Amino acid sequence: MTLLLAEVRTLLAANEALSKRRRAKKARIRQGGALTVKDAQDILAQKDVNEQVQHEKRSREDRQNEGQTRGRRCSTCGRTGHYAPRCPKAVNVSSPLDSK
């Protein structure tokens, strides 16, 4: 029982400390100490610009790769230049009936 009471006291103290930190952050924001509206708008605008630049960069790369198709590959070895029936690495499997 004593252990439970000690744990409850510890949790209450931790909860109170967390609540104080949260209240302090909110009070600082209300007083204009942490972040002004203009600063927040500047940050959001910069974030939008960065997203737009990344989008344009991706679309430019997509357009560059658009005309380039990859050559077909052999399904046996994965190399280009031949297909599975003519693969040099293909193993010829002969059936027991062929040996007669």
C-alpha atoms as a PDB file:
ATOM      1  CA  MET A   1       0.000   0.000   0.000  1.00  0.00           C
ATOM      2  CA  THR A   2       2.852   2.341   0.803  1.00  0.00           C
ATOM      3  CA  LEU A   3       4.384   1.719  -2.614  1.00  0.00           C
ATOM      4  CA  LEU A   4       1.120   2.668  -4.303  1.00  0.00           C
ATOM      5  CA  LEU A   5       0.891   5.907  -2.345  1.00  0.00           C
ATOM      6  CA  ALA A   6       4.483   6.778  -3.232  1.00  0.00           C
ATOM      7  CA  GLU A   7       3.819   6.068  -6.909  1.00  0.00           C
ATOM      8  CA  VAL A   8       0.667   8.205  -6.859  1.00  0.00           C
ATOM      9  CA  ARG A   9       2.596  11.091  -5.275  1.00  0.00           C
ATOM     10  CA  THR A  10       5.325  10.780  -7.905  1.00  0.00           C
ATOM     11  CA  LEU A  11       2.797  10.780 -10.734  1.00  0.00           C
ATOM     12  CA  LEU A  12       0.947  13.772  -9.281  1.00  0.00           C
ATOM     13  CA  ALA A  13       4.198  15.727  -9.005  1.00  0.00           C
ATOM     14  CA  ALA A  14       5.147  14.878 -12.600  1.00  0.00           C
ATOM     15  CA  ASN A  15       1.670  15.848 -13.803  1.00  0.00           C
ATOM     16  CA  GLU A  16       1.842  19.166 -11.961  1.00  0.00           C
ATOM     17  CA  ALA A  17       5.259  19.952 -13.461  1.00  0.00           C
ATOM     18  CA  LEU A  18       3.954  19.186 -16.945  1.00  0.00           C
ATOM     19  CA  SER A  19       0.893  21.367 -16.382  1.00  0.00           C
ATOM     20  CA  LYS A  20       3.098  24.271 -15.258  1.00  0.00           C
ATOM     21  CA  ARG A  21       5.226  23.963 -18.398  1.00  0.00           C
ATOM     22  CA  ARG A  22       2.151  23.966 -20.618  1.00  0.00           C
ATOM     23  CA  ARG A  23       0.664  26.984 -18.855  1.00  0.00           C
ATOM     24  CA  ALA A  24       3.969  28.843 -19.159  1.00  0.00           C
ATOM     25  CA  LYS A  25       4.103  28.205 -22.911  1.00  0.00           C
ATOM     26  CA  LYS A  26       0.538  29.459 -23.396  1.00  0.00           C
ATOM     27  CA  ALA A  27       1.184  32.547 -21.269  1.00  0.00           C
ATOM     28  CA  ARG A  28       4.355  33.336 -23.228  1.00  0.00           C
ATOM     29  CA  ILE A  29       2.477  33.064 -26.533  1.00  0.00           C
ATOM     30  CA  ARG A  30      -0.365  35.272 -25.258  1.00  0.00           C
ATOM     31  CA  GLN A  31       2.149  37.908 -24.182  1.00  0.00           C
ATOM     32  CA  GLY A  32       3.812  37.832 -27.595  1.00  0.00           C
ATOM     33  CA  GLY A  33       7.135  36.627 -26.273  1.00  0.00           C
ATOM     34  CA  ALA A  34       7.482  33.382 -28.166  1.00  0.00           C
ATOM     35  CA  LEU A  35       6.192  34.015 -31.670  1.00  0.00           C
ATOM     36  CA  THR A  36       4.545  36.979 -33.304  1.00  0.00           C
ATOM     37  CA  VAL A  37       1.794  36.678 -35.882  1.00  0.00           C
ATOM     38  CA  LYS A  38       4.084  38.107 -38.551  1.00  0.00           C
ATOM     39  CA  ASP A  39       6.797  35.577 -37.699  1.00  0.00           C
ATOM     40  CA  ALA A  40       4.271  32.745 -37.902  1.00  0.00           C
ATOM     41  CA  GLN A  41       3.008  33.996 -41.263  1.00  0.00           C
ATOM     42  CA  ASP A  42       6.586  34.243 -42.545  1.00  0.00           C
ATOM     43  CA  ILE A  43       7.294  30.685 -41.426  1.00  0.00           C
ATOM     44  CA  LEU A  44       4.140  29.383 -43.122  1.00  0.00           C
ATOM     45  CA  ALA A  45       4.904  31.304 -46.309  1.00  0.00           C
ATOM     46  CA  GLN A  46       8.446  29.912 -46.384  1.00  0.00           C
ATOM     47  CA  LYS A  47       7.084  26.401 -45.851  1.00  0.00           C
ATOM     48  CA  ASP A  48       4.675  26.865 -48.781  1.00  0.00           C
ATOM     49  CA  VAL A  49       7.497  28.126 -51.000  1.00  0.00           C
ATOM     50  CA  ASN A  50       9.679  25.147 -50.063  1.00  0.00           C
ATOM     51  CA  GLU A  51       6.849  22.713 -50.853  1.00  0.00           C
ATOM     52  CA  GLN A  52       6.245  24.389 -54.215  1.00  0.00           C
ATOM     53  CA  VAL A  53       9.949  24.213 -55.107  1.00  0.00           C
ATOM     54  CA  GLN A  54      10.059  20.518 -54.209  1.00  0.00           C
ATOM     55  CA  HIS A  55       6.924  19.862 -56.287  1.00  0.00           C
ATOM     56  CA  GLU A  56       8.391  21.678 -59.302  1.00  0.00           C
ATOM     57  CA  LYS A  57      11.674  19.805 -58.917  1.00  0.00           C
ATOM     58  CA  ARG A  58       9.881  16.431 -58.841  1.00  0.00           C
ATOM     59  CA  SER A  59       7.733  17.298 -61.864  1.00  0.00           C
ATOM     60  CA  ARG A  60      10.811  18.491 -63.791  1.00  0.00           C
ATOM     61  CA  GLU A  61      12.579  15.195 -63.030  1.00  0.00           C
ATOM     62  CA  ASP A  62       9.479  13.269 -64.119  1.00  0.00           C
ATOM     63  CA  ARG A  63       9.421  15.140 -67.439  1.00  0.00           C
ATOM     64  CA  GLN A  64      13.102  14.390 -68.011  1.00  0.00           C
ATOM     65  CA  ASN A  65      12.592  10.678 -67.391  1.00  0.00           C
ATOM     66  CA  GLU A  66       9.365  10.557 -69.400  1.00  0.00           C
ATOM     67  CA  GLY A  67      10.925   9.631 -72.764  1.00  0.00           C
ATOM     68  CA  GLN A  68      13.366   7.159 -71.316  1.00  0.00           C
ATOM     69  CA  THR A  69      11.972   3.665 -71.188  1.00  0.00           C
ATOM     70  CA  ARG A  70      13.911   0.816 -69.779  1.00  0.00           C
ATOM     71  CA  GLY A  71      14.839  -1.953 -72.160  1.00  0.00           C
ATOM     72  CA  ARG A  72      13.147  -5.282 -71.754  1.00  0.00           C
ATOM     73  CA  ARG A  73      14.995  -7.770 -69.658  1.00  0.00           C
ATOM     74  CA  CYS A  74      15.416 -11.500 -69.710  1.00  0.00           C
ATOM     75  CA  SER A  75      13.158 -13.129 -67.137  1.00  0.00           C
ATOM     76  CA  THR A  76      15.817 -15.741 -66.359  1.00  0.00           C
ATOM     77  CA  CYS A  77      18.951 -13.672 -65.709  1.00  0.00           C
ATOM     78  CA  GLY A  78      17.585 -10.088 -65.682  1.00  0.00           C
ATOM     79  CA  ARG A  79      19.995  -8.758 -68.340  1.00  0.00           C
ATOM     80  CA  THR A  80      18.993  -6.831 -71.454  1.00  0.00           C
ATOM     81  CA  GLY A  81      19.717  -7.942 -75.005  1.00  0.00           C
ATOM     82  CA  HIS A  82      17.978 -11.297 -75.083  1.00  0.00           C
ATOM     83  CA  TYR A  83      14.866 -13.084 -73.866  1.00  0.00           C
ATOM     84  CA  ALA A  84      14.426 -16.165 -71.697  1.00  0.00           C
ATOM     85  CA  PRO A  85      14.273 -18.761 -74.511  1.00  0.00           C
ATOM     86  CA  ARG A  86      17.693 -17.596 -75.778  1.00  0.00           C
ATOM     87  CA  CYS A  87      19.289 -16.935 -72.387  1.00  0.00           C
ATOM     88  CA  PRO A  88      22.902 -18.159 -72.226  1.00  0.00           C
ATOM     89  CA  LYS A  89      22.459 -18.963 -68.555  1.00  0.00           C
ATOM     90  CA  ALA A  90      19.372 -21.088 -69.122  1.00  0.00           C
ATOM     91  CA  VAL A  91      19.715 -24.682 -68.063  1.00  0.00           C
ATOM     92  CA  ASN A  92      18.641 -27.209 -70.650  1.00  0.00           C
ATOM     93  CA  VAL A  93      16.382 -29.683 -68.980  1.00  0.00           C
ATOM     94  CA  SER A  94      15.917 -32.806 -71.014  1.00  0.00           C
ATOM     95  CA  SER A  95      13.161 -35.196 -70.195  1.00  0.00           C
ATOM     96  CA  PRO A  96      13.877 -38.907 -69.652  1.00  0.00           C
ATOM     97  CA  LEU A  97      11.921 -39.666 -72.840  1.00  0.00           C
ATOM     98  CA  ASP A  98      14.408 -37.676 -74.981  1.00  0.00           C
ATOM     99  CA  SER A  99      17.323 -39.981 -74.112  1.00  0.00           C
ATOM    100  CA  LYS A 100      15.822 -43.019 -75.905  1.00  0.00           C
END
